Amino acid sequence: MQVSEEKEFTIQKRRCLIVWVYSLKQLKTLKRYGLIHYVSRRMKYVVIYMDEEAIESSEAKINGLHFVRKVERSYRPDVEMNFAEKIGTKEAYQYEKEEGFEVEELSTKIRLAENV
């Protein structure tokens, strides 16, 4: 008897939390909230990756622990990472036009390193 099940792989949206701690002795406690990606022993912070859906509740729980100084969210998923249209254009400069400074728009082509 053969059972063929088609399992579909879906990419989970993840976000990083930076947890500043007073002591690194309680790292085992932080393991239950997500995947520990990095531990800085000198600056005493821990980088934890977890699912986007669980970030609200987990952040509040982690912030309530007695050995946690501060919890910060990573803003990387919120930042637009497609810079191809903005290279060499006026859109790359988001500040107001200052006196005596003009932006010249160039037609820049992106070339791969092997074609240079």
PDB file of N, CA and C in Angstrom:
ATOM      1  N   MET A   1       0.833  -1.163   0.000  1.00  0.00           N
ATOM      2  CA  MET A   1       0.000   0.000   0.000  1.00  0.00           C
ATOM      3  C   MET A   1       0.891   1.243   0.000  1.00  0.00           C
ATOM      4  N   GLN A   2       0.669   2.083  -0.989  1.00  0.00           N
ATOM      5  CA  GLN A   2       1.467   3.294  -1.135  1.00  0.00           C
ATOM      6  C   GLN A   2       0.587   4.519  -0.981  1.00  0.00           C
ATOM      7  N   VAL A   3       0.990   5.387  -0.132  1.00  0.00           N
ATOM      8  CA  VAL A   3       0.238   6.613   0.077  1.00  0.00           C
ATOM      9  C   VAL A   3       1.086   7.762  -0.471  1.00  0.00           C
ATOM     10  N   SER A   4       0.529   8.443  -1.448  1.00  0.00           N
ATOM     11  CA  SER A   4       1.289   9.571  -2.001  1.00  0.00           C
ATOM     12  C   SER A   4       0.620  10.869  -1.559  1.00  0.00           C
ATOM     13  N   GLU A   5       1.322  11.566  -0.754  1.00  0.00           N
ATOM     14  CA  GLU A   5       0.841  12.866  -0.298  1.00  0.00           C
ATOM     15  C   GLU A   5       1.731  13.938  -0.887  1.00  0.00           C
ATOM     16  N   GLU A   6       1.091  14.902  -1.453  1.00  0.00           N
ATOM     17  CA  GLU A   6       1.859  16.027  -1.978  1.00  0.00           C
ATOM     18  C   GLU A   6       1.903  17.107  -0.922  1.00  0.00           C
ATOM     19  N   LYS A   7       3.094  17.366  -0.455  1.00  0.00           N
ATOM     20  CA  LYS A   7       3.260  18.412   0.544  1.00  0.00           C
ATOM     21  C   LYS A   7       3.759  19.668  -0.151  1.00  0.00           C
ATOM     22  N   GLU A   8       3.139  20.750   0.195  1.00  0.00           N
ATOM     23  CA  GLU A   8       3.483  22.017  -0.427  1.00  0.00           C
ATOM     24  C   GLU A   8       4.385  22.809   0.511  1.00  0.00           C
ATOM     25  N   PHE A   9       5.470  23.293  -0.021  1.00  0.00           N
ATOM     26  CA  PHE A   9       6.417  24.076   0.770  1.00  0.00           C
ATOM     27  C   PHE A   9       6.059  25.549   0.672  1.00  0.00           C
ATOM     28  N   THR A  10       5.799  26.159   1.805  1.00  0.00           N
ATOM     29  CA  THR A  10       5.508  27.584   1.823  1.00  0.00           C
ATOM     30  C   THR A  10       6.577  28.285   2.648  1.00  0.00           C
ATOM     31  N   ILE A  11       6.996  29.422   2.182  1.00  0.00           N
ATOM     32  CA  ILE A  11       8.019  30.195   2.878  1.00  0.00           C
ATOM     33  C   ILE A  11       7.362  30.995   3.986  1.00  0.00           C
ATOM     34  N   GLN A  12       7.842  30.811   5.182  1.00  0.00           N
ATOM     35  CA  GLN A  12       7.322  31.537   6.338  1.00  0.00           C
ATOM     36  C   GLN A  12       7.992  32.900   6.407  1.00  0.00           C
ATOM     37  N   LYS A  13       7.207  33.933   6.658  1.00  0.00           N
ATOM     38  CA  LYS A  13       7.788  35.257   6.854  1.00  0.00           C
ATOM     39  C   LYS A  13       8.393  35.294   8.247  1.00  0.00           C
ATOM     40  N   ARG A  14       9.655  35.716   8.317  1.00  0.00           N
ATOM     41  CA  ARG A  14      10.365  35.733   9.575  1.00  0.00           C
ATOM     42  C   ARG A  14      10.877  37.130   9.863  1.00  0.00           C
ATOM     43  N   ARG A  15      11.092  37.394  11.113  1.00  0.00           N
ATOM     44  CA  ARG A  15      11.620  38.689  11.534  1.00  0.00           C
ATOM     45  C   ARG A  15      12.612  38.439  12.662  1.00  0.00           C
ATOM     46  N   CYS A  16      13.520  39.359  12.791  1.00  0.00           N
ATOM     47  CA  CYS A  16      14.589  39.250  13.774  1.00  0.00           C
ATOM     48  C   CYS A  16      14.278  40.144  14.973  1.00  0.00           C
ATOM     49  N   LEU A  17      14.587  39.659  16.154  1.00  0.00           N
ATOM     50  CA  LEU A  17      14.527  40.457  17.373  1.00  0.00           C
ATOM     51  C   LEU A  17      15.921  40.539  17.958  1.00  0.00           C
ATOM     52  N   ILE A  18      16.332  41.727  18.362  1.00  0.00           N
ATOM     53  CA  ILE A  18      17.598  41.906  19.055  1.00  0.00           C
ATOM     54  C   ILE A  18      17.258  42.085  20.527  1.00  0.00           C
ATOM     55  N   VAL A  19      17.734  41.175  21.353  1.00  0.00           N
ATOM     56  CA  VAL A  19      17.412  41.175  22.779  1.00  0.00           C
ATOM     57  C   VAL A  19      18.673  41.556  23.550  1.00  0.00           C
ATOM     58  N   TRP A  20      18.646  42.706  24.199  1.00  0.00           N
ATOM     59  CA  TRP A  20      19.749  43.164  25.036  1.00  0.00           C
ATOM     60  C   TRP A  20      19.533  42.601  26.434  1.00  0.00           C
ATOM     61  N   VAL A  21      20.542  41.931  26.974  1.00  0.00           N
ATOM     62  CA  VAL A  21      20.398  41.251  28.261  1.00  0.00           C
ATOM     63  C   VAL A  21      21.433  41.762  29.257  1.00  0.00           C
ATOM     64  N   TYR A  22      21.141  41.539  30.544  1.00  0.00           N
ATOM     65  CA  TYR A  22      22.101  41.862  31.600  1.00  0.00           C
ATOM     66  C   TYR A  22      23.120  40.750  31.767  1.00  0.00           C
ATOM     67  N   SER A  23      22.680  39.506  31.572  1.00  0.00           N
ATOM     68  CA  SER A  23      23.551  38.352  31.747  1.00  0.00           C
ATOM     69  C   SER A  23      23.227  37.319  30.679  1.00  0.00           C
ATOM     70  N   LEU A  24      24.246  36.602  30.225  1.00  0.00           N
ATOM     71  CA  LEU A  24      24.049  35.583  29.191  1.00  0.00           C
ATOM     72  C   LEU A  24      23.814  34.192  29.784  1.00  0.00           C
ATOM     73  N   LYS A  25      23.645  34.095  31.080  1.00  0.00           N
ATOM     74  CA  LYS A  25      23.435  32.800  31.718  1.00  0.00           C
ATOM     75  C   LYS A  25      22.085  32.186  31.338  1.00  0.00           C
ATOM     76  N   GLN A  26      21.130  33.001  30.967  1.00  0.00           N
ATOM     77  CA  GLN A  26      19.780  32.518  30.691  1.00  0.00           C
ATOM     78  C   GLN A  26      19.526  32.312  29.202  1.00  0.00           C
ATOM     79  N   LEU A  27      20.525  31.944  28.423  1.00  0.00           N
ATOM     80  CA  LEU A  27      20.333  31.721  26.981  1.00  0.00           C
ATOM     81  C   LEU A  27      19.363  30.578  26.704  1.00  0.00           C
ATOM     82  N   LYS A  28      19.346  29.578  27.566  1.00  0.00           N
ATOM     83  CA  LYS A  28      18.434  28.450  27.363  1.00  0.00           C
ATOM     84  C   LYS A  28      16.980  28.893  27.420  1.00  0.00           C
ATOM     85  N   THR A  29      16.700  29.908  28.226  1.00  0.00           N
ATOM     86  CA  THR A  29      15.331  30.423  28.308  1.00  0.00           C
ATOM     87  C   THR A  29      14.924  31.086  27.004  1.00  0.00           C
ATOM     88  N   LEU A  30      15.850  31.772  26.340  1.00  0.00           N
ATOM     89  CA  LEU A  30      15.529  32.454  25.085  1.00  0.00           C
ATOM     90  C   LEU A  30      15.370  31.488  23.912  1.00  0.00           C
ATOM     91  N   LYS A  31      15.914  30.281  24.018  1.00  0.00           N
ATOM     92  CA  LYS A  31      15.827  29.306  22.923  1.00  0.00           C
ATOM     93  C   LYS A  31      14.393  28.892  22.629  1.00  0.00           C
ATOM     94  N   ARG A  32      13.515  28.955  23.614  1.00  0.00           N
ATOM     95  CA  ARG A  32      12.145  28.504  23.384  1.00  0.00           C
ATOM     96  C   ARG A  32      11.318  29.477  22.557  1.00  0.00           C
ATOM     97  N   TYR A  33      11.803  30.709  22.381  1.00  0.00           N
ATOM     98  CA  TYR A  33      11.041  31.711  21.631  1.00  0.00           C
ATOM     99  C   TYR A  33      11.352  31.714  20.142  1.00  0.00           C
ATOM    100  N   GLY A  34      12.497  31.198  19.751  1.00  0.00           N
ATOM    101  CA  GLY A  34      12.846  31.175  18.331  1.00  0.00           C
ATOM    102  C   GLY A  34      14.258  30.661  18.136  1.00  0.00           C
ATOM    103  N   LEU A  35      14.749  30.819  16.932  1.00  0.00           N
ATOM    104  CA  LEU A  35      16.082  30.357  16.580  1.00  0.00           C
ATOM    105  C   LEU A  35      17.107  31.421  16.956  1.00  0.00           C
ATOM    106  N   ILE A  36      18.054  31.058  17.816  1.00  0.00           N
ATOM    107  CA  ILE A  36      19.113  31.995  18.187  1.00  0.00           C
ATOM    108  C   ILE A  36      20.140  31.987  17.072  1.00  0.00           C
ATOM    109  N   HIS A  37      20.298  33.139  16.426  1.00  0.00           N
ATOM    110  CA  HIS A  37      21.192  33.257  15.286  1.00  0.00           C
ATOM    111  C   HIS A  37      22.587  33.711  15.708  1.00  0.00           C
ATOM    112  N   TYR A  38      22.674  34.628  16.653  1.00  0.00           N
ATOM    113  CA  TYR A  38      23.964  35.180  17.048  1.00  0.00           C
ATOM    114  C   TYR A  38      23.911  35.621  18.505  1.00  0.00           C
ATOM    115  N   VAL A  39      25.042  35.452  19.204  1.00  0.00           N
ATOM    116  CA  VAL A  39      25.176  35.909  20.586  1.00  0.00           C
ATOM    117  C   VAL A  39      26.449  36.731  20.683  1.00  0.00           C
ATOM    118  N   SER A  40      26.316  37.970  21.130  1.00  0.00           N
ATOM    119  CA  SER A  40      27.476  38.812  21.357  1.00  0.00           C
ATOM    120  C   SER A  40      27.799  38.781  22.846  1.00  0.00           C
ATOM    121  N   ARG A  41      28.893  38.151  23.192  1.00  0.00           N
ATOM    122  CA  ARG A  41      29.265  38.019  24.595  1.00  0.00           C
ATOM    123  C   ARG A  41      29.833  39.317  25.146  1.00  0.00           C
ATOM    124  N   ARG A  42      30.471  40.089  24.310  1.00  0.00           N
ATOM    125  CA  ARG A  42      31.077  41.343  24.771  1.00  0.00           C
ATOM    126  C   ARG A  42      30.021  42.428  24.982  1.00  0.00           C
ATOM    127  N   MET A  43      29.090  42.573  24.022  1.00  0.00           N
ATOM    128  CA  MET A  43      28.080  43.627  24.120  1.00  0.00           C
ATOM    129  C   MET A  43      26.774  43.136  24.760  1.00  0.00           C
ATOM    130  N   LYS A  44      26.673  41.840  25.010  1.00  0.00           N
ATOM    131  CA  LYS A  44      25.544  41.214  25.698  1.00  0.00           C
ATOM    132  C   LYS A  44      24.212  41.440  24.993  1.00  0.00           C
ATOM    133  N   TYR A  45      24.150  40.959  23.758  1.00  0.00           N
ATOM    134  CA  TYR A  45      22.870  40.932  23.051  1.00  0.00           C
ATOM    135  C   TYR A  45      22.738  39.625  22.295  1.00  0.00           C
ATOM    136  N   VAL A  46      21.480  39.258  22.006  1.00  0.00           N
ATOM    137  CA  VAL A  46      21.166  38.005  21.333  1.00  0.00           C
ATOM    138  C   VAL A  46      20.270  38.323  20.142  1.00  0.00           C
ATOM    139  N   VAL A  47      20.555  37.724  18.985  1.00  0.00           N
ATOM    140  CA  VAL A  47      19.740  37.895  17.785  1.00  0.00           C
ATOM    141  C   VAL A  47      18.896  36.635  17.626  1.00  0.00           C
ATOM    142  N   ILE A  48      17.572  36.812  17.650  1.00  0.00           N
ATOM    143  CA  ILE A  48      16.634  35.689  17.568  1.00  0.00           C
ATOM    144  C   ILE A  48      15.739  35.873  16.351  1.00  0.00           C
ATOM    145  N   TYR A  49      15.600  34.820  15.541  1.00  0.00           N
ATOM    146  CA  TYR A  49      14.668  34.821  14.415  1.00  0.00           C
ATOM    147  C   TYR A  49      13.426  34.037  14.802  1.00  0.00           C
ATOM    148  N   MET A  50      12.254  34.599  14.454  1.00  0.00           N
ATOM    149  CA  MET A  50      10.989  33.910  14.721  1.00  0.00           C
ATOM    150  C   MET A  50       9.974  34.261  13.646  1.00  0.00           C
ATOM    151  N   ASP A  51       8.861  33.532  13.633  1.00  0.00           N
ATOM    152  CA  ASP A  51       7.808  33.782  12.644  1.00  0.00           C
ATOM    153  C   ASP A  51       7.170  35.142  12.871  1.00  0.00           C
ATOM    154  N   GLU A  52       6.739  35.746  11.764  1.00  0.00           N
ATOM    155  CA  GLU A  52       6.141  37.087  11.813  1.00  0.00           C
ATOM    156  C   GLU A  52       4.848  37.112  12.635  1.00  0.00           C
ATOM    157  N   GLU A  53       4.078  36.021  12.610  1.00  0.00           N
ATOM    158  CA  GLU A  53       2.809  35.996  13.333  1.00  0.00           C
ATOM    159  C   GLU A  53       3.017  36.000  14.846  1.00  0.00           C
ATOM    160  N   ALA A  54       4.085  35.394  15.307  1.00  0.00           N
ATOM    161  CA  ALA A  54       4.316  35.250  16.745  1.00  0.00           C
ATOM    162  C   ALA A  54       5.138  36.389  17.333  1.00  0.00           C
ATOM    163  N   ILE A  55       5.476  37.374  16.536  1.00  0.00           N
ATOM    164  CA  ILE A  55       6.410  38.409  17.002  1.00  0.00           C
ATOM    165  C   ILE A  55       5.791  39.302  18.070  1.00  0.00           C
ATOM    166  N   GLU A  56       4.500  39.621  17.963  1.00  0.00           N
ATOM    167  CA  GLU A  56       3.846  40.506  18.927  1.00  0.00           C
ATOM    168  C   GLU A  56       3.835  39.898  20.326  1.00  0.00           C
ATOM    169  N   SER A  57       3.328  38.682  20.416  1.00  0.00           N
ATOM    170  CA  SER A  57       3.219  38.051  21.737  1.00  0.00           C
ATOM    171  C   SER A  57       4.588  37.696  22.307  1.00  0.00           C
ATOM    172  N   SER A  58       5.485  37.222  21.457  1.00  0.00           N
ATOM    173  CA  SER A  58       6.812  36.838  21.939  1.00  0.00           C
ATOM    174  C   SER A  58       7.613  38.047  22.404  1.00  0.00           C
ATOM    175  N   GLU A  59       7.473  39.162  21.713  1.00  0.00           N
ATOM    176  CA  GLU A  59       8.200  40.362  22.109  1.00  0.00           C
ATOM    177  C   GLU A  59       7.761  40.831  23.498  1.00  0.00           C
ATOM    178  N   ALA A  60       6.470  40.769  23.765  1.00  0.00           N
ATOM    179  CA  ALA A  60       5.966  41.174  25.078  1.00  0.00           C
ATOM    180  C   ALA A  60       6.440  40.214  26.172  1.00  0.00           C
ATOM    181  N   LYS A  61       6.443  38.914  25.875  1.00  0.00           N
ATOM    182  CA  LYS A  61       6.897  37.930  26.861  1.00  0.00           C
ATOM    183  C   LYS A  61       8.390  38.077  27.148  1.00  0.00           C
ATOM    184  N   ILE A  62       9.180  38.264  26.087  1.00  0.00           N
ATOM    185  CA  ILE A  62      10.625  38.399  26.263  1.00  0.00           C
ATOM    186  C   ILE A  62      10.951  39.677  27.028  1.00  0.00           C
ATOM    187  N   ASN A  63      10.228  40.738  26.736  1.00  0.00           N
ATOM    188  CA  ASN A  63      10.460  42.009  27.414  1.00  0.00           C
ATOM    189  C   ASN A  63      10.137  41.918  28.905  1.00  0.00           C
ATOM    190  N   GLY A  64       9.266  40.998  29.296  1.00  0.00           N
ATOM    191  CA  GLY A  64       8.905  40.833  30.693  1.00  0.00           C
ATOM    192  C   GLY A  64       9.860  39.987  31.501  1.00  0.00           C
ATOM    193  N   LEU A  65      10.828  39.345  30.858  1.00  0.00           N
ATOM    194  CA  LEU A  65      11.796  38.520  31.587  1.00  0.00           C
ATOM    195  C   LEU A  65      12.728  39.402  32.407  1.00  0.00           C
ATOM    196  N   HIS A  66      13.137  38.912  33.558  1.00  0.00           N
ATOM    197  CA  HIS A  66      13.909  39.738  34.486  1.00  0.00           C
ATOM    198  C   HIS A  66      15.342  40.019  34.029  1.00  0.00           C
ATOM    199  N   PHE A  67      15.900  39.204  33.157  1.00  0.00           N
ATOM    200  CA  PHE A  67      17.278  39.403  32.719  1.00  0.00           C
ATOM    201  C   PHE A  67      17.383  40.197  31.414  1.00  0.00           C
ATOM    202  N   VAL A  68      16.248  40.640  30.857  1.00  0.00           N
ATOM    203  CA  VAL A  68      16.222  41.367  29.584  1.00  0.00           C
ATOM    204  C   VAL A  68      16.249  42.868  29.848  1.00  0.00           C
ATOM    205  N   ARG A  69      17.168  43.545  29.199  1.00  0.00           N
ATOM    206  CA  ARG A  69      17.286  44.997  29.328  1.00  0.00           C
ATOM    207  C   ARG A  69      16.361  45.708  28.341  1.00  0.00           C
ATOM    208  N   LYS A  70      16.409  45.291  27.054  1.00  0.00           N
ATOM    209  CA  LYS A  70      15.634  45.958  26.010  1.00  0.00           C
ATOM    210  C   LYS A  70      15.451  45.000  24.847  1.00  0.00           C
ATOM    211  N   VAL A  71      14.331  45.146  24.113  1.00  0.00           N
ATOM    212  CA  VAL A  71      14.056  44.335  22.923  1.00  0.00           C
ATOM    213  C   VAL A  71      13.826  45.266  21.754  1.00  0.00           C
ATOM    214  N   GLU A  72      14.527  45.015  20.639  1.00  0.00           N
ATOM    215  CA  GLU A  72      14.370  45.821  19.423  1.00  0.00           C
ATOM    216  C   GLU A  72      13.984  44.916  18.271  1.00  0.00           C
ATOM    217  N   ARG A  73      13.125  45.429  17.392  1.00  0.00           N
ATOM    218  CA  ARG A  73      12.755  44.702  16.178  1.00  0.00           C
ATOM    219  C   ARG A  73      13.693  45.073  15.036  1.00  0.00           C
ATOM    220  N   SER A  74      13.881  44.138  14.146  1.00  0.00           N
ATOM    221  CA  SER A  74      14.627  44.419  12.931  1.00  0.00           C
ATOM    222  C   SER A  74      13.678  45.041  11.909  1.00  0.00           C
ATOM    223  N   TYR A  75      14.135  46.089  11.256  1.00  0.00           N
ATOM    224  CA  TYR A  75      13.308  46.758  10.249  1.00  0.00           C
ATOM    225  C   TYR A  75      13.666  46.325   8.832  1.00  0.00           C
ATOM    226  N   ARG A  76      14.482  45.321   8.686  1.00  0.00           N
ATOM    227  CA  ARG A  76      14.920  44.884   7.363  1.00  0.00           C
ATOM    228  C   ARG A  76      13.770  44.441   6.461  1.00  0.00           C
ATOM    229  N   PRO A  77      12.757  43.714   6.942  1.00  0.00           N
ATOM    230  CA  PRO A  77      11.653  43.345   6.044  1.00  0.00           C
ATOM    231  C   PRO A  77      10.843  44.546   5.568  1.00  0.00           C
ATOM    232  N   ASP A  78      10.909  45.664   6.267  1.00  0.00           N
ATOM    233  CA  ASP A  78      10.145  46.845   5.895  1.00  0.00           C
ATOM    234  C   ASP A  78      10.862  47.730   4.887  1.00  0.00           C
ATOM    235  N   VAL A  79      12.160  47.518   4.675  1.00  0.00           N
ATOM    236  CA  VAL A  79      12.961  48.373   3.805  1.00  0.00           C
ATOM    237  C   VAL A  79      12.880  47.855   2.373  1.00  0.00           C
ATOM    238  N   GLU A  80      12.659  48.766   1.426  1.00  0.00           N
ATOM    239  CA  GLU A  80      12.631  48.407   0.006  1.00  0.00           C
ATOM    240  C   GLU A  80      14.060  48.100  -0.446  1.00  0.00           C
ATOM    241  N   MET A  81      14.290  46.888  -0.938  1.00  0.00           N
ATOM    242  CA  MET A  81      15.641  46.462  -1.290  1.00  0.00           C
ATOM    243  C   MET A  81      15.911  46.480  -2.792  1.00  0.00           C
ATOM    244  N   ASN A  82      14.968  46.967  -3.602  1.00  0.00           N
ATOM    245  CA  ASN A  82      15.168  47.022  -5.043  1.00  0.00           C
ATOM    246  C   ASN A  82      15.688  48.414  -5.409  1.00  0.00           C
ATOM    247  N   PHE A  83      16.995  48.513  -5.649  1.00  0.00           N
ATOM    248  CA  PHE A  83      17.618  49.789  -5.951  1.00  0.00           C
ATOM    249  C   PHE A  83      17.919  49.959  -7.440  1.00  0.00           C
ATOM    250  N   ALA A  84      17.543  48.997  -8.260  1.00  0.00           N
ATOM    251  CA  ALA A  84      17.927  49.009  -9.668  1.00  0.00           C
ATOM    252  C   ALA A  84      17.356  50.214 -10.411  1.00  0.00           C
ATOM    253  N   GLU A  85      16.123  50.624 -10.095  1.00  0.00           N
ATOM    254  CA  GLU A  85      15.520  51.746 -10.803  1.00  0.00           C
ATOM    255  C   GLU A  85      16.028  53.092 -10.299  1.00  0.00           C
ATOM    256  N   LYS A  86      16.616  53.130  -9.126  1.00  0.00           N
ATOM    257  CA  LYS A  86      16.998  54.398  -8.523  1.00  0.00           C
ATOM    258  C   LYS A  86      18.460  54.785  -8.736  1.00  0.00           C
ATOM    259  N   ILE A  87      19.269  53.896  -9.256  1.00  0.00           N
ATOM    260  CA  ILE A  87      20.693  54.185  -9.418  1.00  0.00           C
ATOM    261  C   ILE A  87      20.879  55.259 -10.488  1.00  0.00           C
ATOM    262  N   GLY A  88      21.541  56.340 -10.117  1.00  0.00           N
ATOM    263  CA  GLY A  88      21.845  57.408 -11.058  1.00  0.00           C
ATOM    264  C   GLY A  88      20.672  58.315 -11.374  1.00  0.00           C
ATOM    265  N   THR A  89      19.612  58.292 -10.599  1.00  0.00           N
ATOM    266  CA  THR A  89      18.456  59.147 -10.852  1.00  0.00           C
ATOM    267  C   THR A  89      18.254  60.108  -9.687  1.00  0.00           C
ATOM    268  N   LYS A  90      17.359  61.044  -9.884  1.00  0.00           N
ATOM    269  CA  LYS A  90      17.063  62.012  -8.830  1.00  0.00           C
ATOM    270  C   LYS A  90      16.330  61.373  -7.661  1.00  0.00           C
ATOM    271  N   GLU A  91      15.668  60.235  -7.905  1.00  0.00           N
ATOM    272  CA  GLU A  91      14.937  59.558  -6.835  1.00  0.00           C
ATOM    273  C   GLU A  91      15.866  58.999  -5.767  1.00  0.00           C
ATOM    274  N   ALA A  92      17.143  58.810  -6.113  1.00  0.00           N
ATOM    275  CA  ALA A  92      18.091  58.284  -5.138  1.00  0.00           C
ATOM    276  C   ALA A  92      18.366  59.292  -4.039  1.00  0.00           C
ATOM    277  N   TYR A  93      18.184  60.569  -4.335  1.00  0.00           N
ATOM    278  CA  TYR A  93      18.407  61.625  -3.350  1.00  0.00           C
ATOM    279  C   TYR A  93      17.050  62.057  -2.817  1.00  0.00           C
ATOM    280  N   GLN A  94      16.797  61.790  -1.537  1.00  0.00           N
ATOM    281  CA  GLN A  94      15.475  62.049  -0.991  1.00  0.00           C
ATOM    282  C   GLN A  94      15.419  63.344  -0.195  1.00  0.00           C
ATOM    283  N   TYR A  95      16.468  64.113  -0.187  1.00  0.00           N
ATOM    284  CA  TYR A  95      16.440  65.354   0.573  1.00  0.00           C
ATOM    285  C   TYR A  95      16.041  66.514  -0.330  1.00  0.00           C
ATOM    286  N   GLU A  96      15.680  67.617   0.284  1.00  0.00           N
ATOM    287  CA  GLU A  96      15.225  68.797  -0.446  1.00  0.00           C
ATOM    288  C   GLU A  96      16.376  69.420  -1.229  1.00  0.00           C
ATOM    289  N   LYS A  97      16.041  70.093  -2.299  1.00  0.00           N
ATOM    290  CA  LYS A  97      17.050  70.746  -3.130  1.00  0.00           C
ATOM    291  C   LYS A  97      17.659  71.918  -2.356  1.00  0.00           C
ATOM    292  N   GLU A  98      18.978  71.872  -2.217  1.00  0.00           N
ATOM    293  CA  GLU A  98      19.680  72.920  -1.481  1.00  0.00           C
ATOM    294  C   GLU A  98      20.224  73.948  -2.461  1.00  0.00           C
ATOM    295  N   GLU A  99      20.592  75.093  -1.949  1.00  0.00           N
ATOM    296  CA  GLU A  99      21.124  76.156  -2.801  1.00  0.00           C
ATOM    297  C   GLU A  99      22.494  75.759  -3.333  1.00  0.00           C
ATOM    298  N   GLY A 100      22.693  75.957  -4.623  1.00  0.00           N
ATOM    299  CA  GLY A 100      23.986  75.692  -5.238  1.00  0.00           C
ATOM    300  C   GLY A 100      24.287  74.226  -5.477  1.00  0.00           C
ATOM    301  N   PHE A 101      23.317  73.358  -5.294  1.00  0.00           N
ATOM    302  CA  PHE A 101      23.543  71.929  -5.487  1.00  0.00           C
ATOM    303  C   PHE A 101      22.474  71.378  -6.401  1.00  0.00           C
ATOM    304  N   GLU A 102      22.904  70.810  -7.529  1.00  0.00           N
ATOM    305  CA  GLU A 102      21.961  70.242  -8.468  1.00  0.00           C
ATOM    306  C   GLU A 102      22.322  68.798  -8.732  1.00  0.00           C
ATOM    307  N   VAL A 103      21.311  67.977  -8.922  1.00  0.00           N
ATOM    308  CA  VAL A 103      21.513  66.565  -9.208  1.00  0.00           C
ATOM    309  C   VAL A 103      21.347  66.366 -10.702  1.00  0.00           C
ATOM    310  N   GLU A 104      22.361  65.799 -11.326  1.00  0.00           N
ATOM    311  CA  GLU A 104      22.293  65.529 -12.758  1.00  0.00           C
ATOM    312  C   GLU A 104      21.886  64.080 -12.955  1.00  0.00           C
ATOM    313  N   GLU A 105      20.855  63.860 -13.725  1.00  0.00           N
ATOM    314  CA  GLU A 105      20.349  62.516 -13.944  1.00  0.00           C
ATOM    315  C   GLU A 105      21.117  61.876 -15.088  1.00  0.00           C
ATOM    316  N   LEU A 106      21.642  60.686 -14.828  1.00  0.00           N
ATOM    317  CA  LEU A 106      22.411  59.949 -15.817  1.00  0.00           C
ATOM    318  C   LEU A 106      21.653  58.692 -16.213  1.00  0.00           C
ATOM    319  N   SER A 107      21.900  58.225 -17.401  1.00  0.00           N
ATOM    320  CA  SER A 107      21.313  56.945 -17.799  1.00  0.00           C
ATOM    321  C   SER A 107      22.350  55.872 -17.485  1.00  0.00           C
ATOM    322  N   THR A 108      22.178  55.238 -16.345  1.00  0.00           N
ATOM    323  CA  THR A 108      23.142  54.259 -15.854  1.00  0.00           C
ATOM    324  C   THR A 108      22.662  52.867 -16.203  1.00  0.00           C
ATOM    325  N   LYS A 109      23.561  52.081 -16.752  1.00  0.00           N
ATOM    326  CA  LYS A 109      23.253  50.690 -17.034  1.00  0.00           C
ATOM    327  C   LYS A 109      23.994  49.825 -16.025  1.00  0.00           C
ATOM    328  N   ILE A 110      23.311  48.819 -15.536  1.00  0.00           N
ATOM    329  CA  ILE A 110      23.916  47.898 -14.587  1.00  0.00           C
ATOM    330  C   ILE A 110      24.590  46.796 -15.384  1.00  0.00           C
ATOM    331  N   ARG A 111      25.875  46.625 -15.103  1.00  0.00           N
ATOM    332  CA  ARG A 111      26.640  45.602 -15.820  1.00  0.00           C
ATOM    333  C   ARG A 111      27.156  44.563 -14.828  1.00  0.00           C
ATOM    334  N   LEU A 112      27.216  43.343 -15.274  1.00  0.00           N
ATOM    335  CA  LEU A 112      27.776  42.302 -14.431  1.00  0.00           C
ATOM    336  C   LEU A 112      29.297  42.380 -14.449  1.00  0.00           C
ATOM    337  N   ALA A 113      29.927  41.888 -13.431  1.00  0.00           N
ATOM    338  CA  ALA A 113      31.386  41.982 -13.291  1.00  0.00           C
ATOM    339  C   ALA A 113      32.108  41.217 -14.391  1.00  0.00           C
ATOM    340  N   GLU A 114      31.536  40.159 -14.895  1.00  0.00           N
ATOM    341  CA  GLU A 114      32.207  39.365 -15.921  1.00  0.00           C
ATOM    342  C   GLU A 114      32.194  40.045 -17.290  1.00  0.00           C
ATOM    343  N   ASN A 115      31.313  41.030 -17.491  1.00  0.00           N
ATOM    344  CA  ASN A 115      31.230  41.720 -18.784  1.00  0.00           C
ATOM    345  C   ASN A 115      32.041  43.004 -18.817  1.00  0.00           C
ATOM    346  N   VAL A 116      32.641  43.388 -17.722  1.00  0.00           N
ATOM    347  CA  VAL A 116      33.354  44.658 -17.653  1.00  0.00           C
ATOM    348  C   VAL A 116      34.699  44.546 -18.310  1.00  0.00           C
TER     349      VAL A 116
END
